[in-house]
Amino acid sequence: MSKVTVNVDGGARGNPGPAAIGVVMRNGDGSVLEEVGEAIGEATNNVAEYRALLRGIELAAGHGAGEVELIGDSELVVRQVEGRYKVKNAGMKKLHEEVKRALRDFDSWSIRHVRRAENADADRLVNEALDGER
């Protein structure tokens, strides 16, 4: 499999509070290959966003993707992965390093920020996981 697109979202109710991730992976024609919505325990919103990103990268690698396009609605996390924003928080530094290391396994990768409305499927999975529906 060559290219996949992975929408990721993470969220916490309270900050920190009960947190969850949502990941939707699609192939080149837009068909959904896999969806993940899972609670991750107590975390901040930003940690949940990074955990969602890591899970999305893991799914893409597991499907043998050579190229991955990551899409998220956290401007902070997207800009940090792009290298445009510094990672100052110690806990997030570790997650950021994990993401950068995992991305080395792909022939190519990209990441882009979208508005929450354009990330509705991943957002829905986060909320379903937080509501105990997944």
Protein backbone atom coordinates (compact mmCIF):
# COMPACT_ATOMS: atom_id res chain seq x y z
CA MET A 1 0.00 0.00 0.00
CA SER A 2 1.45 3.33 -0.90
CA LYS A 3 -0.29 6.40 0.55
CA VAL A 4 -2.78 6.73 3.39
CA THR A 5 -4.43 9.77 4.92
CA VAL A 6 -4.88 9.72 8.68
CA ASN A 7 -7.17 12.11 10.56
CA VAL A 8 -6.32 12.32 14.25
CA ASP A 9 -7.93 13.97 17.24
CA GLY A 10 -7.49 13.83 20.97
CA GLY A 11 -9.45 15.42 23.74
CA ALA A 12 -9.86 15.61 27.48
CA ARG A 13 -12.90 16.57 29.52
CA GLY A 14 -11.30 18.85 32.03
CA ASN A 15 -7.69 19.67 31.37
CA PRO A 16 -6.36 17.30 32.57
CA GLY A 17 -9.27 14.89 32.82
CA PRO A 18 -10.70 11.75 31.25
CA ALA A 19 -9.17 11.65 27.77
CA ALA A 20 -9.60 9.78 24.50
CA ILE A 21 -8.25 9.58 20.98
CA GLY A 22 -9.87 9.24 17.57
CA VAL A 23 -8.13 8.08 14.40
CA VAL A 24 -9.56 7.57 10.90
CA MET A 25 -7.29 6.10 8.23
CA ARG A 26 -8.27 6.27 4.55
CA ASN A 27 -6.69 4.94 1.37
CA GLY A 28 -6.07 6.97 -1.77
CA ASP A 29 -9.69 6.92 -2.94
CA GLY A 30 -10.98 8.10 0.44
CA SER A 31 -12.35 4.74 1.61
CA VAL A 32 -12.03 4.18 5.35
CA LEU A 33 -9.49 1.43 6.09
CA GLU A 34 -9.67 1.60 9.87
CA GLU A 35 -11.18 3.68 12.68
CA VAL A 36 -10.03 3.80 16.28
CA GLY A 37 -11.72 5.50 19.19
CA GLU A 38 -10.33 4.68 22.61
CA ALA A 39 -10.17 6.11 26.09
CA ILE A 40 -6.59 6.70 27.29
CA GLY A 41 -7.17 7.54 30.96
CA GLU A 42 -6.33 10.90 32.50
CA ALA A 43 -4.45 13.33 30.25
CA THR A 44 -4.36 16.91 29.01
CA ASN A 45 -5.79 17.87 25.63
CA ASN A 46 -2.31 18.26 24.15
CA VAL A 47 -1.10 14.89 25.42
CA ALA A 48 -4.26 13.29 23.98
CA GLU A 49 -3.56 14.97 20.62
CA TYR A 50 -0.02 13.53 20.59
CA ARG A 51 -1.26 10.08 21.63
CA ALA A 52 -3.78 10.18 18.75
CA LEU A 53 -1.00 11.14 16.35
CA LEU A 54 1.17 8.25 17.55
CA ARG A 55 -1.73 5.81 17.18
CA GLY A 56 -2.39 7.06 13.64
CA ILE A 57 1.26 6.63 12.69
CA GLU A 58 1.19 3.12 14.17
CA LEU A 59 -1.92 2.23 12.11
CA ALA A 60 -0.36 3.55 8.90
CA ALA A 61 2.84 1.58 9.52
CA GLY A 62 0.79 -1.53 10.34
CA HIS A 63 -0.94 -1.27 6.98
CA GLY A 64 2.42 -1.03 5.21
CA ALA A 65 1.98 2.56 4.02
CA GLY A 66 5.04 4.12 2.43
CA GLU A 67 3.59 7.60 2.54
CA VAL A 68 1.32 9.12 5.18
CA GLU A 69 -0.56 12.40 5.30
CA LEU A 70 -1.53 13.29 8.86
CA ILE A 71 -4.41 15.69 9.47
CA GLY A 72 -5.27 17.19 12.83
CA ASP A 73 -7.17 20.10 14.33
CA SER A 74 -4.60 20.94 17.04
CA GLU A 75 -2.64 23.86 15.63
CA LEU A 76 -0.10 23.55 18.45
CA VAL A 77 0.71 19.88 17.82
CA VAL A 78 0.76 20.23 14.01
CA ARG A 79 3.08 23.26 14.18
CA GLN A 80 5.36 21.50 16.68
CA VAL A 81 5.69 18.44 14.43
CA GLU A 82 6.38 20.73 11.46
CA GLY A 83 9.13 22.37 13.52
CA ARG A 84 7.48 25.79 13.39
CA TYR A 85 6.74 25.90 17.16
CA LYS A 86 9.11 24.88 19.94
CA VAL A 87 8.12 22.10 22.33
CA LYS A 88 8.62 23.52 25.82
CA ASN A 89 6.63 21.11 28.01
CA ALA A 90 8.79 18.20 29.22
CA GLY A 91 6.00 15.62 28.93
CA MET A 92 5.17 16.73 25.41
CA LYS A 93 8.86 16.74 24.40
CA LYS A 94 9.00 12.99 24.92
CA LEU A 95 5.84 12.43 22.84
CA HIS A 96 7.12 14.81 20.15
CA GLU A 97 10.38 12.84 19.92
CA GLU A 98 8.41 9.57 19.65
CA VAL A 99 6.37 11.01 16.77
CA LYS A 100 9.46 12.26 14.91
CA ARG A 101 11.21 8.90 15.39
CA ALA A 102 8.17 6.93 14.17
CA LEU A 103 7.83 9.12 11.06
CA ARG A 104 11.35 8.15 9.93
CA ASP A 105 9.97 4.72 8.95
CA PHE A 106 7.97 6.22 6.05
CA ASP A 107 9.30 7.09 2.60
CA SER A 108 7.54 10.43 3.00
CA TRP A 109 5.11 12.10 5.35
CA SER A 110 3.25 15.37 5.72
CA ILE A 111 1.08 16.93 8.39
CA ARG A 112 -1.50 19.67 8.13
CA HIS A 113 -3.84 21.58 10.35
CA VAL A 114 -7.58 21.79 9.63
CA ARG A 115 -10.51 23.34 11.45
CA ARG A 116 -12.41 21.03 13.81
CA ALA A 117 -15.34 20.85 11.37
CA GLU A 118 -13.00 19.30 8.78
CA ASN A 119 -11.92 16.68 11.31
CA ALA A 120 -15.43 15.63 12.33
CA ASP A 121 -14.98 11.85 12.01
CA ALA A 122 -11.97 11.74 14.34
CA ASP A 123 -13.68 14.17 16.73
CA ARG A 124 -16.79 11.95 16.81
CA LEU A 125 -14.63 8.93 17.76
CA VAL A 126 -13.07 10.87 20.64
CA ASN A 127 -16.49 11.80 22.00
CA GLU A 128 -17.88 8.28 21.58
CA ALA A 129 -14.89 6.91 23.51
CA LEU A 130 -15.35 9.51 26.27
CA ASP A 131 -19.07 8.70 26.44
CA GLY A 132 -18.28 4.99 26.75
CA GLU A 133 -19.89 4.12 23.41
CA ARG A 134 -16.72 2.55 21.92
